[in-house]
Amino acid sequence: MTTSALDEWAALEKRGLDELQGCTDEAALRAWHTRYFGDKGEVPAMLRKVSTLPPNERKAFGQTGNVVKTKLTEAYDLALANAKEAALQASLSAHPLDVTLPGRPVPRGRLHVATQVMRQIYGIFADMGFQVYRSREVEDDETNFGLLNMPPHHPARDMWDTFHTTTPGVLLRTHTSPGQIHVMREFCPHPIRAVLPGMCFRFEQVTTRSEMQFEQVEGLVVGPQVTMADLIGTITAFARRLFGQERQIRIRSSYFPFTEPSIEVDIDWPKDDPNADRLTKGTGWLEIMGAGMVHPVVLRNGGYDPQQVSGFAFGLGPQRITMLKHAIDDIRQFWANDLRFLQQF
């Protein structure tokens, strides 16, 4: 290789190292790196000269260039590390760390307000001897309707706006009542005392009082000599535990295809509550659940002999109960993930 080519590499190496020593901070070092190794830097420009050399000199020229490039790169990396360390020490000296100060507080999460009320409901029924039983959310038409005394084309099916899947006969359950069939068939012929919580889905308009998906808690008791008095006593005890011992219960006749007789349950609402008129529409009573004695057809579909046992069932909406307990006026808040709402509870 010609002496002039060697001299150019040697001069570039010396110049680069001399300038590197003059860089006193990280910004100057990075500017140096751009000047020597950037797209238009001196090292890439020098390497591009290989095409102008005779073929027998190109290899040696390239090898020498790689050696110089390696030396400059190693010197730069060392200088950059030293500059960062010096900057850190200067920062610690100017702003010393007080290790006695408390650390930054870690925000604590909390249970969703609906989950809090759901656990209250579990606890109340657990004290009365109920167990929690979970069933599937994707149901077949027969379990969701047919086995609950609603055969095809029964007008009661119009009470539910159903989400059907693309698989014929498969749907998103419209209520937790099909869980009654599952729990009865699993535990038959033994007595049952269970609550069945879970998500339900209905194709309804979303408003301040209704959602397309919501939670329900189904209750089921099956055994010898279970009566309507047992149902009313259970409901009364539950309502007073949840809303206060002074609460009164009102029973109204109703209709559900899977219970007979069927009832709606209201509680009296405190008149001194500023939301009383709005919640009760001026009546002083507020509906909290539907209930009734399990229909003999449903008992038989669950595997029980309605001549030997009887039972009662009830269904309540925990999100509506949460709205009542905390004077929440829009059910959509439960799904909005708005911290301003959630942090209140």
Protein backbone atom coordinates (compact mmCIF):
# COMPACT_ATOMS: atom_id res chain seq x y z
CA MET A 1 0.00 0.00 0.00
CA THR A 2 1.30 3.53 -0.78
CA THR A 3 2.84 5.62 1.98
CA SER A 4 0.34 8.41 1.39
CA ALA A 5 -2.61 6.09 2.17
CA LEU A 6 -0.97 4.94 5.40
CA ASP A 7 -0.25 8.53 6.32
CA GLU A 8 -3.90 9.49 5.79
CA TRP A 9 -5.11 6.77 8.16
CA ALA A 10 -2.48 7.69 10.75
CA ALA A 11 -3.38 11.38 10.50
CA LEU A 12 -7.11 10.61 10.84
CA GLU A 13 -6.46 8.43 13.88
CA LYS A 14 -4.31 11.07 15.62
CA ARG A 15 -6.74 13.87 14.82
CA GLY A 16 -9.69 11.87 16.05
CA LEU A 17 -8.05 10.91 19.35
CA ASP A 18 -6.84 14.46 19.96
CA GLU A 19 -10.32 15.90 19.38
CA LEU A 20 -11.87 13.18 21.53
CA GLN A 21 -9.73 14.23 24.47
CA GLY A 22 -11.05 17.75 24.10
CA CYS A 23 -14.70 16.65 24.46
CA THR A 24 -15.74 17.50 28.01
CA ASP A 25 -19.37 16.31 28.08
CA GLU A 26 -21.77 13.85 26.51
CA ALA A 27 -23.12 16.32 23.95
CA ALA A 28 -19.62 17.07 22.64
CA LEU A 29 -18.84 13.36 22.46
CA ARG A 30 -21.95 12.62 20.42
CA ALA A 31 -21.13 15.49 18.07
CA TRP A 32 -17.61 14.00 17.66
CA HIS A 33 -19.13 10.60 16.87
CA THR A 34 -21.35 12.11 14.18
CA ARG A 35 -18.39 13.95 12.67
CA TYR A 36 -16.27 10.81 12.42
CA PHE A 37 -18.80 7.99 12.05
CA GLY A 38 -21.95 9.60 10.65
CA ASP A 39 -23.17 8.92 7.12
CA LYS A 40 -20.95 11.74 5.88
CA GLY A 41 -18.29 11.24 8.55
CA GLU A 42 -14.56 11.11 7.99
CA VAL A 43 -14.13 7.37 8.56
CA PRO A 44 -16.83 6.27 6.03
CA ALA A 45 -15.49 8.86 3.54
CA MET A 46 -11.98 7.46 3.95
CA LEU A 47 -13.16 3.89 3.44
CA ARG A 48 -14.92 4.88 0.21
CA LYS A 49 -11.53 5.83 -1.25
CA VAL A 50 -10.70 2.12 -1.58
CA SER A 51 -12.31 2.12 -5.02
CA THR A 52 -9.69 4.60 -6.26
CA LEU A 53 -6.72 2.42 -5.27
CA PRO A 54 -5.02 -0.24 -7.38
CA PRO A 55 -6.55 -3.70 -6.75
CA ASN A 56 -3.40 -5.01 -5.06
CA GLU A 57 -3.53 -2.26 -2.40
CA ARG A 58 -7.21 -2.40 -1.51
CA LYS A 59 -7.01 -5.25 0.99
CA ALA A 60 -4.27 -3.68 3.07
CA PHE A 61 -6.03 -0.30 2.91
CA GLY A 62 -9.25 -1.80 4.20
CA GLN A 63 -7.56 -3.73 6.99
CA THR A 64 -5.72 -0.62 8.18
CA GLY A 65 -8.99 1.30 8.08
CA ASN A 66 -10.74 -1.30 10.20
CA VAL A 67 -7.96 -1.14 12.81
CA VAL A 68 -8.25 2.66 13.00
CA LYS A 69 -12.04 2.43 13.15
CA THR A 70 -11.84 -0.05 16.04
CA LYS A 71 -9.40 2.14 18.02
CA LEU A 72 -11.54 5.24 17.59
CA THR A 73 -14.73 3.36 18.52
CA GLU A 74 -13.20 1.88 21.68
CA ALA A 75 -11.82 5.27 22.70
CA TYR A 76 -15.24 6.85 22.12
CA ASP A 77 -17.09 4.21 24.14
CA LEU A 78 -14.69 4.65 27.06
CA ALA A 79 -14.93 8.44 26.94
CA LEU A 80 -18.75 8.29 26.77
CA ALA A 81 -18.93 5.97 29.79
CA ASN A 82 -16.60 8.26 31.76
CA ALA A 83 -18.65 11.31 30.80
CA LYS A 84 -21.89 9.67 31.98
CA GLU A 85 -20.30 8.65 35.24
CA ALA A 86 -18.94 12.17 35.79
CA ALA A 87 -22.38 13.67 35.04
CA LEU A 88 -24.00 11.28 37.52
CA GLN A 89 -21.49 12.15 40.26
CA ALA A 90 -21.99 15.86 39.61
CA SER A 91 -25.76 15.45 39.84
CA LEU A 92 -25.50 13.49 43.10
CA SER A 93 -23.18 16.15 44.54
CA ALA A 94 -25.47 18.99 43.53
CA HIS A 95 -28.63 17.17 44.62
CA PRO A 96 -27.66 14.65 47.30
CA LEU A 97 -30.06 11.75 47.87
CA ASP A 98 -31.69 11.72 51.31
CA VAL A 99 -32.17 8.02 51.97
CA THR A 100 -34.27 8.80 55.06
CA LEU A 101 -37.09 10.23 52.93
CA PRO A 102 -40.09 7.93 52.38
CA GLY A 103 -40.44 6.37 48.96
CA ARG A 104 -43.05 7.40 46.45
CA PRO A 105 -46.40 5.95 47.48
CA VAL A 106 -47.71 3.17 45.26
CA PRO A 107 -51.39 3.74 44.37
CA ARG A 108 -53.49 0.95 45.80
CA GLY A 109 -56.23 -0.62 43.79
CA ARG A 110 -59.59 -1.54 45.23
CA LEU A 111 -62.55 -3.74 44.48
CA HIS A 112 -65.09 -2.39 42.02
CA VAL A 113 -68.17 -1.10 43.84
CA ALA A 114 -70.34 -3.75 42.16
CA THR A 115 -67.92 -6.45 43.34
CA GLN A 116 -68.09 -5.08 46.86
CA VAL A 117 -71.88 -5.38 46.90
CA MET A 118 -71.73 -8.81 45.24
CA ARG A 119 -69.49 -10.04 48.06
CA GLN A 120 -71.92 -8.63 50.60
CA ILE A 121 -74.66 -10.64 48.93
CA TYR A 122 -72.51 -13.79 48.99
CA GLY A 123 -71.81 -13.27 52.67
CA ILE A 124 -75.45 -12.81 53.62
CA PHE A 125 -76.59 -15.94 51.81
CA ALA A 126 -73.58 -17.91 53.08
CA ASP A 127 -74.73 -17.14 56.62
CA MET A 128 -78.10 -18.67 55.68
CA GLY A 129 -76.45 -21.86 54.43
CA PHE A 130 -76.32 -21.13 50.69
CA GLN A 131 -73.37 -22.19 48.53
CA VAL A 132 -72.18 -20.37 45.40
CA TYR A 133 -72.67 -22.34 42.18
CA ARG A 134 -71.44 -21.02 38.83
CA SER A 135 -72.79 -22.13 35.48
CA ARG A 136 -71.93 -21.35 31.87
CA GLU A 137 -72.74 -18.08 30.11
CA VAL A 138 -73.10 -19.59 26.63
CA GLU A 139 -76.20 -21.80 26.70
CA ASP A 140 -78.24 -23.99 24.43
CA ASP A 141 -81.80 -22.96 23.62
CA GLU A 142 -83.30 -25.96 25.39
CA THR A 143 -81.65 -25.19 28.75
CA ASN A 144 -82.18 -21.43 28.52
CA PHE A 145 -85.87 -21.76 27.61
CA GLY A 146 -87.29 -25.22 26.99
CA LEU A 147 -86.38 -26.87 30.30
CA LEU A 148 -87.61 -23.77 32.13
CA ASN A 149 -91.17 -24.38 30.91
CA MET A 150 -90.84 -22.24 27.78
CA PRO A 151 -91.13 -24.57 24.75
CA PRO A 152 -90.58 -23.21 21.23
CA HIS A 153 -93.03 -20.47 20.21
CA HIS A 154 -94.12 -19.96 23.83
CA PRO A 155 -95.12 -16.27 24.17
CA ALA A 156 -93.05 -15.93 27.37
CA ARG A 157 -89.92 -16.01 25.23
CA ASP A 158 -90.80 -12.50 24.09
CA MET A 159 -89.88 -11.30 27.59
CA TRP A 160 -86.20 -11.73 26.70
CA ASP A 161 -84.36 -10.12 23.76
CA THR A 162 -81.86 -12.85 22.99
CA PHE A 163 -78.39 -12.81 21.45
CA HIS A 164 -78.22 -15.87 19.18
CA THR A 165 -74.89 -17.16 17.87
CA THR A 166 -74.16 -18.37 14.35
CA THR A 167 -74.46 -21.94 15.65
CA PRO A 168 -78.15 -22.94 15.60
CA GLY A 169 -79.55 -23.47 19.07
CA VAL A 170 -76.63 -21.79 20.85
CA LEU A 171 -77.09 -18.39 22.51
CA LEU A 172 -75.83 -16.07 25.22
CA ARG A 173 -77.92 -16.76 28.28
CA THR A 174 -80.58 -14.15 28.92
CA HIS A 175 -80.86 -14.89 32.65
CA THR A 176 -79.20 -17.05 35.31
CA SER A 177 -82.24 -19.32 35.61
CA PRO A 178 -80.82 -22.06 33.32
CA GLY A 179 -78.31 -22.57 36.11
CA GLN A 180 -81.20 -24.10 38.08
CA ILE A 181 -81.25 -27.03 35.66
CA HIS A 182 -77.49 -27.53 35.92
CA VAL A 183 -77.37 -27.46 39.71
CA MET A 184 -80.43 -29.72 40.10
CA ARG A 185 -79.10 -32.32 37.69
CA GLU A 186 -75.73 -32.29 39.45
CA PHE A 187 -77.05 -32.67 43.01
CA CYS A 188 -80.27 -34.62 42.50
CA PRO A 189 -81.73 -36.26 44.59
CA HIS A 190 -80.15 -34.29 47.45
CA PRO A 191 -81.56 -31.02 48.86
CA ILE A 192 -80.21 -27.82 47.35
CA ARG A 193 -79.58 -24.39 48.81
CA ALA A 194 -77.50 -22.35 46.35
CA VAL A 195 -77.02 -18.92 44.79
CA LEU A 196 -76.01 -18.77 41.14
CA PRO A 197 -74.26 -15.50 40.18
CA GLY A 198 -73.16 -14.62 36.69
CA MET A 199 -73.35 -12.43 33.63
CA CYS A 200 -76.44 -12.23 31.43
CA PHE A 201 -76.90 -10.72 27.97
CA ARG A 202 -79.94 -9.14 26.31
CA PHE A 203 -80.29 -7.20 23.10
CA GLU A 204 -81.75 -4.11 24.73
CA GLN A 205 -81.31 -0.40 24.26
CA VAL A 206 -78.59 0.97 26.54
CA THR A 207 -80.02 3.63 28.86
CA THR A 208 -79.34 4.96 32.33
CA ARG A 209 -81.30 1.99 33.76
CA SER A 210 -80.52 -0.87 31.35
CA GLU A 211 -77.46 -2.45 29.75
CA MET A 212 -76.86 -5.17 27.16
CA GLN A 213 -74.79 -7.13 29.70
CA PHE A 214 -75.41 -7.24 33.41
CA GLU A 215 -75.00 -9.48 36.43
CA GLN A 216 -77.72 -11.45 38.18
CA VAL A 217 -77.81 -13.55 41.31
CA GLU A 218 -80.18 -16.50 41.13
CA GLY A 219 -81.25 -18.29 44.29
CA LEU A 220 -82.58 -21.86 44.47
CA VAL A 221 -83.79 -24.00 47.36
CA VAL A 222 -85.11 -27.52 46.77
CA GLY A 223 -86.09 -30.02 49.43
CA PRO A 224 -88.97 -31.65 51.29
CA GLN A 225 -91.75 -29.35 52.53
CA VAL A 226 -90.24 -26.09 51.22
CA THR A 227 -93.01 -23.48 51.32
CA MET A 228 -93.78 -19.92 50.32
CA ALA A 229 -93.29 -18.96 53.97
CA ASP A 230 -89.67 -20.12 53.68
CA LEU A 231 -89.24 -17.95 50.59
CA ILE A 232 -90.67 -14.83 52.23
CA GLY A 233 -88.63 -15.40 55.38
CA THR A 234 -85.42 -15.77 53.35
CA ILE A 235 -86.12 -12.65 51.30
CA THR A 236 -87.00 -10.61 54.40
CA ALA A 237 -83.83 -11.66 56.20
CA PHE A 238 -81.73 -10.85 53.14
CA ALA A 239 -83.28 -7.40 52.58
CA ARG A 240 -82.88 -6.39 56.22
CA ARG A 241 -79.25 -7.52 56.31
CA LEU A 242 -78.44 -5.59 53.14
CA PHE A 243 -80.55 -2.44 53.52
CA GLY A 244 -81.19 -2.19 57.27
CA GLN A 245 -83.16 -3.97 59.99
CA GLU A 246 -86.02 -1.47 59.77
CA ARG A 247 -86.87 -2.40 56.18
CA GLN A 248 -90.38 -3.72 55.42
CA ILE A 249 -91.22 -6.16 52.62
CA ARG A 250 -94.14 -5.99 50.19
CA ILE A 251 -95.17 -8.98 48.06
CA ARG A 252 -96.99 -8.55 44.74
CA SER A 253 -98.30 -11.23 42.41
CA SER A 254 -96.44 -11.62 39.15
CA TYR A 255 -95.74 -14.13 36.38
CA PHE A 256 -92.66 -16.13 35.47
CA PRO A 257 -92.94 -19.31 33.41
CA PHE A 258 -90.56 -21.23 35.67
CA THR A 259 -92.27 -20.44 39.01
CA GLU A 260 -95.83 -20.93 40.21
CA PRO A 261 -96.99 -18.94 42.07
CA SER A 262 -94.73 -16.04 41.13
CA ILE A 263 -94.16 -12.82 43.05
CA GLU A 264 -92.34 -9.50 42.87
CA VAL A 265 -90.64 -8.25 46.02
CA ASP A 266 -90.52 -4.59 47.06
CA ILE A 267 -88.93 -2.88 50.05
CA ASP A 268 -90.04 0.36 51.63
CA TRP A 269 -87.56 3.16 50.98
CA PRO A 270 -86.65 5.77 53.63
CA LYS A 271 -88.75 8.87 53.15
CA ASP A 272 -85.91 11.11 54.31
CA ASP A 273 -83.72 9.95 51.41
CA PRO A 274 -83.51 12.87 48.94
CA ASN A 275 -83.74 10.34 46.08
CA ALA A 276 -86.83 8.61 47.51
CA ASP A 277 -89.40 10.13 45.15
CA ARG A 278 -87.25 9.53 42.08
CA LEU A 279 -86.39 5.95 43.00
CA THR A 280 -89.86 4.89 44.07
CA LYS A 281 -91.85 7.10 41.66
CA GLY A 282 -93.65 8.54 44.65
CA THR A 283 -94.96 5.18 45.94
CA GLY A 284 -92.46 4.71 48.76
CA TRP A 285 -91.76 1.13 47.57
CA LEU A 286 -88.95 -0.15 45.42
CA GLU A 287 -88.75 -3.47 43.55
CA ILE A 288 -85.62 -5.51 44.34
CA MET A 289 -86.31 -9.00 42.94
CA GLY A 290 -88.64 -11.51 41.35
CA ALA A 291 -89.29 -14.86 42.97
CA GLY A 292 -91.70 -17.77 43.34
CA MET A 293 -92.14 -21.46 43.98
CA VAL A 294 -90.30 -23.62 41.45
CA HIS A 295 -92.70 -24.85 38.77
CA PRO A 296 -93.30 -28.65 38.90
CA VAL A 297 -92.22 -28.93 35.26
CA VAL A 298 -88.87 -27.34 36.09
CA LEU A 299 -88.40 -29.62 39.10
CA ARG A 300 -89.13 -32.64 36.93
CA ASN A 301 -86.69 -31.43 34.24
CA GLY A 302 -84.06 -31.09 36.94
CA GLY A 303 -84.55 -34.71 37.98
CA TYR A 304 -86.75 -34.23 41.06
CA ASP A 305 -90.22 -35.61 41.76
CA PRO A 306 -92.53 -32.64 42.44
CA GLN A 307 -94.74 -35.00 44.48
CA GLN A 308 -91.85 -35.53 46.93
CA VAL A 309 -90.04 -32.19 47.03
CA SER A 310 -90.76 -28.51 46.41
CA GLY A 311 -88.60 -25.46 46.09
CA PHE A 312 -88.40 -21.75 45.65
CA ALA A 313 -86.28 -19.53 43.44
CA PHE A 314 -85.50 -15.83 43.26
CA GLY A 315 -83.50 -13.53 41.03
CA LEU A 316 -82.00 -10.13 41.78
CA GLY A 317 -79.77 -7.65 40.00
CA PRO A 318 -76.72 -6.77 42.11
CA GLN A 319 -75.91 -3.74 40.00
CA ARG A 320 -79.35 -2.30 40.58
CA ILE A 321 -78.95 -2.97 44.30
CA THR A 322 -75.59 -1.18 44.15
CA MET A 323 -77.31 1.79 42.50
CA LEU A 324 -79.85 1.85 45.32
CA LYS A 325 -77.28 1.62 48.11
CA HIS A 326 -75.09 4.38 46.72
CA ALA A 327 -77.65 6.59 44.92
CA ILE A 328 -76.04 5.92 41.51
CA ASP A 329 -78.33 7.19 38.77
CA ASP A 330 -76.67 5.72 35.64
CA ILE A 331 -75.98 1.99 35.24
CA ARG A 332 -73.53 2.73 32.42
CA GLN A 333 -71.05 3.99 35.01
CA PHE A 334 -70.29 0.39 35.99
CA TRP A 335 -68.66 -0.24 32.59
CA ALA A 336 -67.16 3.20 31.87
CA ASN A 337 -63.84 2.63 33.75
CA ASP A 338 -63.99 6.26 34.89
CA LEU A 339 -61.65 6.70 37.87
CA ARG A 340 -63.62 9.74 39.04
CA PHE A 341 -66.56 7.41 39.59
CA LEU A 342 -64.67 4.36 40.87
CA GLN A 343 -62.52 6.21 43.41
CA GLN A 344 -65.62 7.29 45.33
CA PHE A 345 -65.99 3.75 46.64
